[in-house]
N, C-alpha and C. Protein backbone atom coordinates (compact mmCIF):
# COMPACT_ATOMS: atom_id res chain seq x y z
N MET A 1 89.64 89.89 123.41
CA MET A 1 90.76 90.50 124.06
C MET A 1 90.19 91.80 124.77
N THR A 2 90.40 92.06 125.91
CA THR A 2 89.88 93.24 126.53
C THR A 2 90.98 94.28 126.79
N LYS A 3 90.59 95.58 127.18
CA LYS A 3 91.60 96.48 127.26
C LYS A 3 92.61 96.23 128.38
N ALA A 4 92.35 95.60 129.30
CA ALA A 4 93.19 95.07 130.57
C ALA A 4 94.04 94.00 129.85
N ASP A 5 93.72 93.17 128.95
CA ASP A 5 94.61 92.22 128.37
C ASP A 5 95.66 92.89 127.56
N ILE A 6 95.34 93.89 126.70
CA ILE A 6 96.11 94.68 125.81
C ILE A 6 97.07 95.44 126.79
N VAL A 7 96.83 95.88 127.95
CA VAL A 7 97.58 96.61 128.65
C VAL A 7 98.64 95.72 129.14
N ASN A 8 98.21 94.46 129.68
CA ASN A 8 99.23 93.43 130.32
C ASN A 8 100.18 92.92 129.06
N GLU A 9 99.76 92.80 127.92
CA GLU A 9 100.53 92.21 126.91
C GLU A 9 101.61 93.40 126.59
N ILE A 10 101.21 94.75 126.30
CA ILE A 10 102.05 95.75 126.13
C ILE A 10 103.19 95.99 127.19
N ALA A 11 102.74 95.77 128.52
CA ALA A 11 103.49 95.99 129.74
C ALA A 11 104.66 94.80 129.73
N LYS A 12 104.08 93.71 129.32
CA LYS A 12 105.25 92.60 129.15
C LYS A 12 106.40 92.70 128.12
N LYS A 13 105.79 93.24 126.98
CA LYS A 13 106.68 93.20 125.96
C LYS A 13 107.66 94.38 126.03
N THR A 14 107.15 95.42 126.60
CA THR A 14 108.11 96.67 126.82
C THR A 14 108.70 96.82 128.02
N GLY A 15 108.28 95.96 129.10
CA GLY A 15 108.90 96.30 130.41
C GLY A 15 108.37 97.44 131.09
N ALA A 16 107.62 98.27 130.45
CA ALA A 16 106.88 99.47 131.23
C ALA A 16 105.95 99.05 132.25
N GLU A 17 105.71 100.00 133.26
CA GLU A 17 104.66 99.69 134.31
C GLU A 17 103.39 99.81 133.63
N LYS A 18 102.46 98.79 134.32
CA LYS A 18 101.13 98.73 133.86
C LYS A 18 100.23 100.21 134.09
N VAL A 19 100.48 100.81 134.94
CA VAL A 19 99.77 102.10 135.06
C VAL A 19 100.09 102.97 134.13
N LEU A 20 101.49 103.06 133.58
CA LEU A 20 101.87 103.93 132.51
C LEU A 20 101.21 103.53 131.31
N VAL A 21 101.30 102.25 130.97
CA VAL A 21 100.75 101.68 129.76
C VAL A 21 99.22 101.94 129.67
N GLN A 22 98.65 101.89 130.80
CA GLN A 22 97.26 102.03 130.72
C GLN A 22 97.02 103.53 130.52
N GLN A 23 97.65 104.39 131.02
CA GLN A 23 97.46 105.89 130.73
C GLN A 23 97.60 106.02 129.13
N ILE A 24 98.66 105.32 128.52
CA ILE A 24 99.05 105.63 127.08
C ILE A 24 97.74 105.11 126.27
N VAL A 25 97.29 104.01 126.54
CA VAL A 25 96.29 103.19 125.88
C VAL A 25 94.81 104.04 126.11
N GLU A 26 94.69 104.67 127.22
CA GLU A 26 93.44 105.63 127.45
C GLU A 26 93.69 106.75 126.54
N SER A 27 94.79 107.41 126.53
CA SER A 27 95.16 108.58 125.85
C SER A 27 94.86 108.35 124.30
N PHE A 28 95.45 107.20 123.86
CA PHE A 28 95.14 107.01 122.38
C PHE A 28 93.76 106.88 122.01
N MET A 29 92.93 106.10 122.92
CA MET A 29 91.46 105.92 122.56
C MET A 29 90.81 107.45 122.83
N ASP A 30 91.28 108.26 123.73
CA ASP A 30 90.57 109.62 123.85
C ASP A 30 91.00 110.48 122.55
N SER A 31 92.06 110.27 122.02
CA SER A 31 92.51 110.98 120.78
C SER A 31 91.79 110.58 119.72
N VAL A 32 91.46 109.33 119.47
CA VAL A 32 90.75 108.83 118.37
C VAL A 32 89.40 109.25 118.51
N LYS A 33 88.87 109.12 119.66
CA LYS A 33 87.29 109.49 119.94
C LYS A 33 87.27 111.14 119.66
N GLY A 34 88.12 111.89 120.10
CA GLY A 34 88.21 113.42 119.98
C GLY A 34 88.15 113.71 118.44
N SER A 35 89.04 113.01 117.66
CA SER A 35 89.19 113.26 116.27
C SER A 35 87.90 113.04 115.70
N LEU A 36 87.28 111.83 115.88
CA LEU A 36 86.03 111.30 115.12
C LEU A 36 84.97 112.44 115.57
N VAL A 37 84.87 112.93 116.83
CA VAL A 37 84.04 113.83 117.25
C VAL A 37 83.96 115.15 116.29
N LYS A 38 85.17 115.49 116.07
CA LYS A 38 85.56 116.61 115.44
C LYS A 38 85.41 116.37 113.63
N GLN A 39 84.89 115.38 113.37
CA GLN A 39 84.55 114.82 111.94
C GLN A 39 86.13 114.69 111.32
N GLU A 40 86.92 114.22 111.92
CA GLU A 40 88.23 114.09 111.40
C GLU A 40 88.62 112.46 111.51
N ASN A 41 88.88 111.98 110.20
CA ASN A 41 89.28 110.49 110.29
C ASN A 41 90.72 110.19 110.77
N VAL A 42 90.93 109.02 111.33
CA VAL A 42 92.25 108.69 111.79
C VAL A 42 92.75 107.66 110.96
N TYR A 43 93.98 107.83 110.54
CA TYR A 43 94.60 106.81 109.65
C TYR A 43 95.88 106.13 110.22
N LEU A 44 95.76 104.97 110.47
CA LEU A 44 97.16 104.20 111.05
C LEU A 44 97.50 103.34 109.96
N ARG A 45 98.61 103.60 109.29
CA ARG A 45 99.15 102.96 108.11
C ARG A 45 99.53 101.40 108.63
N GLY A 46 99.14 100.53 107.83
CA GLY A 46 99.45 99.10 108.10
C GLY A 46 98.40 98.36 109.12
N PHE A 47 97.66 99.34 109.74
CA PHE A 47 96.52 98.92 110.56
C PHE A 47 95.16 98.95 110.13
N GLY A 48 94.89 100.31 109.96
CA GLY A 48 93.51 100.62 109.37
C GLY A 48 93.21 101.97 109.64
N SER A 49 91.83 102.34 109.36
CA SER A 49 91.46 103.76 109.47
C SER A 49 90.11 103.80 110.47
N PHE A 50 90.02 104.68 111.21
CA PHE A 50 88.79 105.03 112.11
C PHE A 50 88.07 106.18 111.16
N ILE A 51 86.99 105.88 110.73
CA ILE A 51 86.49 106.88 109.78
C ILE A 51 84.95 107.12 110.25
N ILE A 52 84.54 108.21 109.71
CA ILE A 52 83.00 108.63 110.22
C ILE A 52 82.26 108.27 108.81
N LYS A 53 81.14 107.26 109.07
CA LYS A 53 80.15 107.02 107.98
C LYS A 53 78.93 107.67 108.11
N LYS A 54 78.44 108.17 106.98
CA LYS A 54 77.06 108.88 107.02
C LYS A 54 76.01 108.09 106.69
N ARG A 55 74.97 107.90 107.48
CA ARG A 55 73.96 106.98 107.08
C ARG A 55 72.66 108.02 106.65
N ALA A 56 72.18 107.64 105.52
CA ALA A 56 71.25 108.58 104.91
C ALA A 56 69.73 108.46 105.76
N THR A 57 68.87 109.43 105.47
CA THR A 57 67.62 109.35 106.04
C THR A 57 66.75 108.19 105.60
N LYS A 58 66.11 107.47 106.50
CA LYS A 58 65.49 106.25 106.06
C LYS A 58 64.10 106.19 106.94
N VAL A 59 63.22 105.35 106.29
CA VAL A 59 61.86 105.13 106.67
C VAL A 59 61.88 103.72 107.57
N ALA A 60 61.47 103.72 108.70
CA ALA A 60 61.56 102.42 109.39
C ALA A 60 60.16 102.11 109.95
N ARG A 61 59.96 100.76 110.33
CA ARG A 61 58.60 100.52 110.98
C ARG A 61 58.80 100.01 112.46
N ASN A 62 57.67 100.45 113.02
CA ASN A 62 57.70 100.04 114.45
C ASN A 62 56.49 99.04 114.44
N ILE A 63 57.03 97.70 114.36
CA ILE A 63 56.11 96.70 114.19
C ILE A 63 55.05 96.59 115.20
N SER A 64 55.36 96.51 116.61
CA SER A 64 54.45 96.39 117.49
C SER A 64 53.28 97.38 117.31
N LYS A 65 53.53 98.56 117.06
CA LYS A 65 52.48 99.81 116.75
C LYS A 65 51.89 99.95 115.38
N ASN A 66 52.57 99.13 114.41
CA ASN A 66 52.16 99.25 113.16
C ASN A 66 52.32 100.81 112.66
N THR A 67 53.38 101.50 112.87
CA THR A 67 53.55 102.78 112.54
C THR A 67 54.88 102.81 111.92
N THR A 68 55.14 104.03 111.07
CA THR A 68 56.36 104.31 110.54
C THR A 68 56.87 105.45 111.15
N ILE A 69 58.36 105.48 111.10
CA ILE A 69 59.02 106.65 111.58
C ILE A 69 60.16 106.87 110.57
N THR A 70 60.67 108.19 110.79
CA THR A 70 61.61 108.61 109.83
C THR A 70 62.86 108.73 110.66
N ILE A 71 64.00 107.97 110.31
CA ILE A 71 65.12 108.08 111.05
C ILE A 71 66.07 109.22 110.32
N PRO A 72 66.28 110.26 110.87
CA PRO A 72 67.24 111.31 110.28
C PRO A 72 68.59 110.73 109.75
N GLU A 73 69.30 111.52 108.89
CA GLU A 73 70.66 111.52 108.52
C GLU A 73 71.44 111.62 109.77
N HIS A 74 72.47 110.57 109.90
CA HIS A 74 73.31 110.72 111.14
C HIS A 74 74.55 110.17 110.73
N ASN A 75 75.78 110.41 111.56
CA ASN A 75 76.89 109.97 111.50
C ASN A 75 77.18 108.69 112.40
N ILE A 76 77.97 107.64 112.00
CA ILE A 76 78.53 106.72 112.80
C ILE A 76 80.11 106.47 112.72
N PRO A 77 80.55 106.06 113.76
CA PRO A 77 82.15 105.62 113.72
C PRO A 77 82.21 104.32 113.22
N ALA A 78 83.26 103.93 112.39
CA ALA A 78 83.57 102.88 111.67
C ALA A 78 85.11 102.58 111.73
N PHE A 79 85.51 101.25 111.52
CA PHE A 79 86.75 100.91 111.51
C PHE A 79 86.93 100.20 110.13
N LYS A 80 87.86 100.66 109.35
CA LYS A 80 88.22 99.82 108.11
C LYS A 80 89.72 99.29 108.11
N PRO A 81 89.79 98.14 108.19
CA PRO A 81 91.13 97.49 108.37
C PRO A 81 92.01 97.83 107.10
N ALA A 82 93.35 97.97 107.22
CA ALA A 82 94.11 98.11 105.97
C ALA A 82 94.27 96.73 105.30
N LYS A 83 94.59 97.00 104.04
CA LYS A 83 94.49 95.70 103.19
C LYS A 83 95.45 94.65 103.65
N SER A 84 96.63 95.01 104.07
CA SER A 84 97.66 93.93 104.59
C SER A 84 97.10 93.38 105.86
N PHE A 85 96.33 93.95 106.60
CA PHE A 85 95.90 93.43 108.05
C PHE A 85 94.81 92.65 107.63
N ALA A 86 93.90 92.95 106.71
CA ALA A 86 92.62 92.16 106.46
C ALA A 86 93.27 90.60 105.96
N GLU A 87 94.23 90.77 105.04
CA GLU A 87 94.72 89.64 104.50
C GLU A 87 95.24 88.64 105.32
N LYS A 88 95.90 89.20 106.45
CA LYS A 88 96.49 88.29 107.56
C LYS A 88 95.42 87.69 108.36
N VAL A 89 94.22 88.34 108.56
CA VAL A 89 93.03 87.80 109.21
C VAL A 89 92.30 86.63 108.55
N LYS A 90 92.39 86.76 107.09
CA LYS A 90 91.88 85.80 106.27
C LYS A 90 92.48 84.55 106.46
């Protein structure tokens, strides 16, 4: 399902204009991104959580050059579904 599909489905269910629904969806995604950039997790009860995961420093190998490189510690965004949501998908 794409963002356009989500906008179309919400517009059908609510009767709102697609342009308005698209602005709302874009605003939601911008809010989530902004919170994660500020290192704040986003919790949506019954749906899941958008969280920041810390990756530790690790040593990796470049196979083609046969060298090792150190990948520094960094953060990545992740989604953790709510328990009830995960059970429905199973």
